[in-house]
Protein backbone atom coordinates (compact mmCIF):
# COMPACT_ATOMS: atom_id res chain seq x y z
CA MET A 1 -25.39 57.93 47.95
CA HIS A 2 -25.07 59.45 44.47
CA ILE A 3 -21.48 60.16 43.43
CA ALA A 4 -21.07 61.87 40.05
CA LEU A 5 -17.81 62.08 38.12
CA ALA A 6 -17.01 65.16 36.05
CA GLY A 7 -14.15 65.86 33.69
CA ASN A 8 -13.00 66.74 30.22
CA ILE A 9 -12.96 64.40 27.23
CA GLY A 10 -10.31 61.76 27.91
CA SER A 11 -10.00 62.43 31.64
CA GLY A 12 -10.77 58.82 32.52
CA LYS A 13 -14.32 59.09 33.85
CA THR A 14 -15.42 55.70 32.53
CA TYR A 15 -12.46 53.88 34.07
CA ALA A 16 -12.88 55.77 37.35
CA THR A 17 -16.57 54.89 37.37
CA TYR A 18 -15.68 51.23 36.98
CA VAL A 19 -13.00 51.27 39.70
CA LEU A 20 -15.15 53.12 42.21
CA SER A 21 -18.28 51.07 41.57
CA GLU A 22 -16.39 47.78 41.88
CA THR A 23 -14.55 48.83 45.02
CA LEU A 24 -17.45 50.49 46.80
CA ARG A 25 -20.02 47.98 45.50
CA TYR A 26 -22.10 50.77 44.01
CA GLU A 27 -24.15 50.58 40.84
CA ALA A 28 -22.54 52.25 37.81
CA ALA A 29 -24.25 54.57 35.32
CA TYR A 30 -22.03 54.89 32.26
CA GLU A 31 -22.16 57.43 29.46
CA ASP A 32 -22.70 55.27 26.36
CA ASP A 33 -21.45 57.17 23.30
CA ARG A 34 -22.53 54.32 21.02
CA GLU A 35 -26.18 55.30 21.50
CA ASN A 36 -25.63 58.94 20.55
CA PRO A 37 -27.01 59.47 17.00
CA PHE A 38 -25.37 62.91 16.68
CA LEU A 39 -21.82 62.17 17.82
CA LEU A 40 -20.17 61.40 14.48
CA ASP A 41 -21.98 64.26 12.74
CA PHE A 42 -21.05 66.70 15.52
CA TYR A 43 -17.32 66.10 15.28
CA GLN A 44 -17.46 66.39 11.48
CA ASP A 45 -19.54 69.59 11.43
CA MET A 46 -19.80 71.14 14.88
CA VAL A 47 -21.64 74.28 13.76
CA ARG A 48 -24.42 72.30 12.09
CA TRP A 49 -24.92 69.78 14.89
CA ALA A 50 -24.10 71.62 18.12
CA PHE A 51 -27.68 72.48 19.10
CA PRO A 52 -29.28 69.05 18.48
CA MET A 53 -26.28 67.44 20.15
CA GLN A 54 -26.75 69.52 23.30
CA ILE A 55 -30.50 68.88 23.41
CA TYR A 56 -29.96 65.15 23.00
CA LEU A 57 -27.38 65.07 25.79
CA LEU A 58 -29.54 67.14 28.13
CA ASN A 59 -32.39 64.66 27.68
CA ARG A 60 -30.11 61.67 28.28
CA ARG A 61 -28.55 63.20 31.39
CA LEU A 62 -32.00 63.95 32.78
CA GLU A 63 -33.14 60.37 32.16
CA THR A 64 -30.05 58.97 33.87
CA THR A 65 -30.26 61.34 36.83
CA LEU A 66 -33.94 60.63 37.45
CA TYR A 67 -33.34 56.90 37.20
CA ILE A 68 -30.54 57.09 39.77
CA GLN A 69 -32.53 59.25 42.15
CA ASN A 70 -35.62 57.04 41.94
CA SER A 71 -33.69 53.77 42.26
CA GLY A 72 -33.00 53.97 45.98
CA LYS A 73 -29.53 52.51 45.29
CA ASN A 74 -25.99 53.82 45.65
CA TYR A 75 -24.65 54.96 42.29
CA ILE A 76 -21.48 56.17 40.60
CA GLN A 77 -22.42 58.31 37.58
CA ASP A 78 -20.17 58.89 34.57
CA ARG A 79 -20.67 62.64 33.87
CA THR A 80 -23.20 64.98 35.45
CA LEU A 81 -26.31 66.78 34.27
CA TYR A 82 -24.51 70.11 34.59
CA GLU A 83 -21.36 69.85 32.50
CA ASP A 84 -22.91 70.02 29.03
CA ALA A 85 -24.78 73.21 29.88
CA GLU A 86 -22.22 74.91 32.09
CA VAL A 87 -18.96 73.84 30.43
CA PHE A 88 -19.43 72.56 26.89
CA ALA A 89 -22.22 74.85 25.71
CA PRO A 90 -20.51 78.10 26.83
CA VAL A 91 -17.28 77.00 25.10
CA LEU A 92 -19.20 76.22 21.91
CA ARG A 93 -20.89 79.62 22.15
CA ASP A 94 -17.60 81.45 22.72
CA MET A 95 -16.05 79.65 19.73
CA ASP A 96 -19.00 80.80 17.55
CA ILE A 97 -20.04 77.17 17.07
CA LEU A 98 -23.34 77.46 18.97
CA PRO A 99 -25.25 80.63 17.98
CA ALA A 100 -26.21 82.91 20.87
CA ARG A 101 -29.97 82.57 20.40
CA GLU A 102 -29.75 78.77 20.30
CA TYR A 103 -27.58 78.82 23.40
CA GLU A 104 -30.08 81.03 25.23
CA VAL A 105 -33.00 78.71 24.41
CA TYR A 106 -30.98 75.66 25.41
CA TYR A 107 -29.69 77.18 28.65
CA ALA A 108 -33.16 78.34 29.73
CA LEU A 109 -34.41 74.77 29.26
CA PHE A 110 -31.45 73.43 31.24
CA GLN A 111 -32.14 75.79 34.14
CA LYS A 112 -35.74 74.59 34.38
CA ILE A 113 -34.65 70.96 34.30
CA ALA A 114 -31.85 71.48 36.84
CA SER A 115 -34.34 73.03 39.27
CA LEU A 116 -36.39 69.81 39.24
CA VAL A 117 -33.67 67.33 40.23
CA ARG A 118 -31.42 66.88 43.24
CA PRO A 119 -27.70 67.46 42.73
CA PRO A 120 -25.36 64.54 43.44
CA ASP A 121 -24.32 63.90 47.03
CA LEU A 122 -20.69 64.26 45.93
CA LEU A 123 -19.08 65.68 42.79
CA VAL A 124 -15.69 64.20 41.85
CA TYR A 125 -13.80 66.32 39.32
CA LEU A 126 -11.07 64.49 37.42
CA ARG A 127 -8.67 67.26 36.47
CA ALA A 128 -6.18 66.41 33.69
CA SER A 129 -3.67 68.40 31.66
CA VAL A 130 -4.14 68.65 27.89
CA PRO A 131 -1.17 66.32 27.14
CA THR A 132 -2.72 63.69 29.41
CA LEU A 133 -6.10 64.13 27.73
CA VAL A 134 -4.53 63.74 24.29
CA ASP A 135 -2.62 60.62 25.34
CA GLN A 136 -5.75 58.99 26.68
CA ILE A 137 -7.88 60.01 23.70
CA LEU A 138 -5.32 58.55 21.29
CA SER A 139 -4.89 55.37 23.32
CA ARG A 140 -8.60 54.51 23.18
CA GLY A 141 -8.70 55.05 19.42
CA ARG A 142 -12.26 56.24 18.90
CA PRO A 143 -12.54 57.34 15.23
CA TYR A 144 -14.95 60.18 15.90
CA GLU A 145 -12.47 61.80 18.31
CA GLU A 146 -9.74 62.13 15.67
CA ASN A 147 -11.01 65.60 14.72
CA ILE A 148 -10.94 67.06 18.25
CA SER A 149 -8.68 70.12 18.20
CA LEU A 150 -6.16 71.07 20.85
CA GLU A 151 -7.79 74.49 21.06
CA TYR A 152 -11.12 72.85 21.93
CA LEU A 153 -9.53 70.72 24.66
CA ARG A 154 -7.68 73.72 26.10
CA LYS A 155 -10.81 75.86 26.21
CA LEU A 156 -12.77 73.02 27.81
CA ASN A 157 -10.06 72.56 30.44
CA GLN A 158 -10.17 76.24 31.33
CA ALA A 159 -13.96 76.15 31.48
CA TYR A 160 -13.92 73.02 33.64
CA ASP A 161 -11.52 74.54 36.16
CA ALA A 162 -13.64 77.69 36.44
CA TRP A 163 -16.84 75.64 36.68
CA TYR A 164 -15.47 73.47 39.48
CA GLU A 165 -14.36 76.49 41.48
CA ARG A 166 -17.84 78.04 41.38
CA TYR A 167 -19.77 74.77 41.78
CA ASP A 168 -21.88 75.20 44.91
CA ARG A 169 -24.63 72.61 44.56
CA GLY A 170 -23.07 70.34 47.13
CA PRO A 171 -19.87 68.64 48.37
CA LYS A 172 -17.06 68.25 45.87
CA ILE A 173 -13.52 66.96 45.48
CA SER A 174 -10.90 67.45 42.76
CA ILE A 175 -8.47 64.66 41.85
CA SER A 176 -5.42 65.16 39.63
CA VAL A 177 -5.35 62.55 36.87
CA ASP A 178 -1.74 63.48 36.10
CA GLU A 179 -0.84 62.66 39.70
CA LEU A 180 -2.66 59.33 39.51
CA HIS A 181 -0.62 58.38 36.44
CA GLY A 182 2.55 59.04 38.39
CA ARG A 183 1.65 56.57 41.13
CA GLU A 184 1.78 52.78 41.07
CA ASP A 185 -1.21 52.76 43.39
CA GLY A 186 -3.14 55.31 41.30
CA PRO A 187 -6.56 53.57 41.32
CA ALA A 188 -6.32 52.72 45.03
CA TYR A 189 -5.26 56.28 45.82
CA MET A 190 -8.25 57.65 43.90
CA VAL A 191 -10.63 55.37 45.78
CA ASP A 192 -9.06 56.39 49.09
CA GLN A 193 -9.49 60.09 48.31
CA VAL A 194 -13.15 59.62 47.40
CA VAL A 195 -13.88 57.44 50.44
CA ARG A 196 -12.26 59.97 52.76
CA ARG A 197 -14.45 62.72 51.27
CA VAL A 198 -17.58 60.58 51.59
CA VAL A 199 -16.80 59.78 55.23
CA SER A 200 -16.35 63.49 55.93
CA LEU A 201 -19.99 64.06 54.89
CA PHE A 202 -21.33 62.07 57.83
């Protein structure tokens, strides 16, 4: 079973990956920002670094996805292969950060890669409001995220919602992060929702 978590910056994917992997006894595949050589440069000059950033991430997502699919183990994955190409890149293009011809080259490469791998058995979308995203981004205190604009987060949220609605590669479930924060049993409730969806697949 391959469960992949999707969601905007600050939606809590890493924590959710940890909770689900510990509870379900699945392996965890985390997104490690510390290994990204473009991250700091990207947030300081998005126009200059958008294309190499997207190519780097596409390669890393492919490596992770292939590793999971060839492992023969149950995995929880922190972010999917699809989000960079189908959420982030279109937003960067629409904001005139990623030039159209660079986007077209990148997206054509993504489509070829996506055709060669299996989609996850279940997509879990962590949907969060912009205020919740901002609170969580500030609370984790990553210096490179200090320059993230509210406009960027809003556009990403809109793109994520639209992407989830049209996602048709397999089973999916949406979980409200805002609702989880309002519950004392938030982590347990999240696990219960995911388990119920997994059970429904059999």
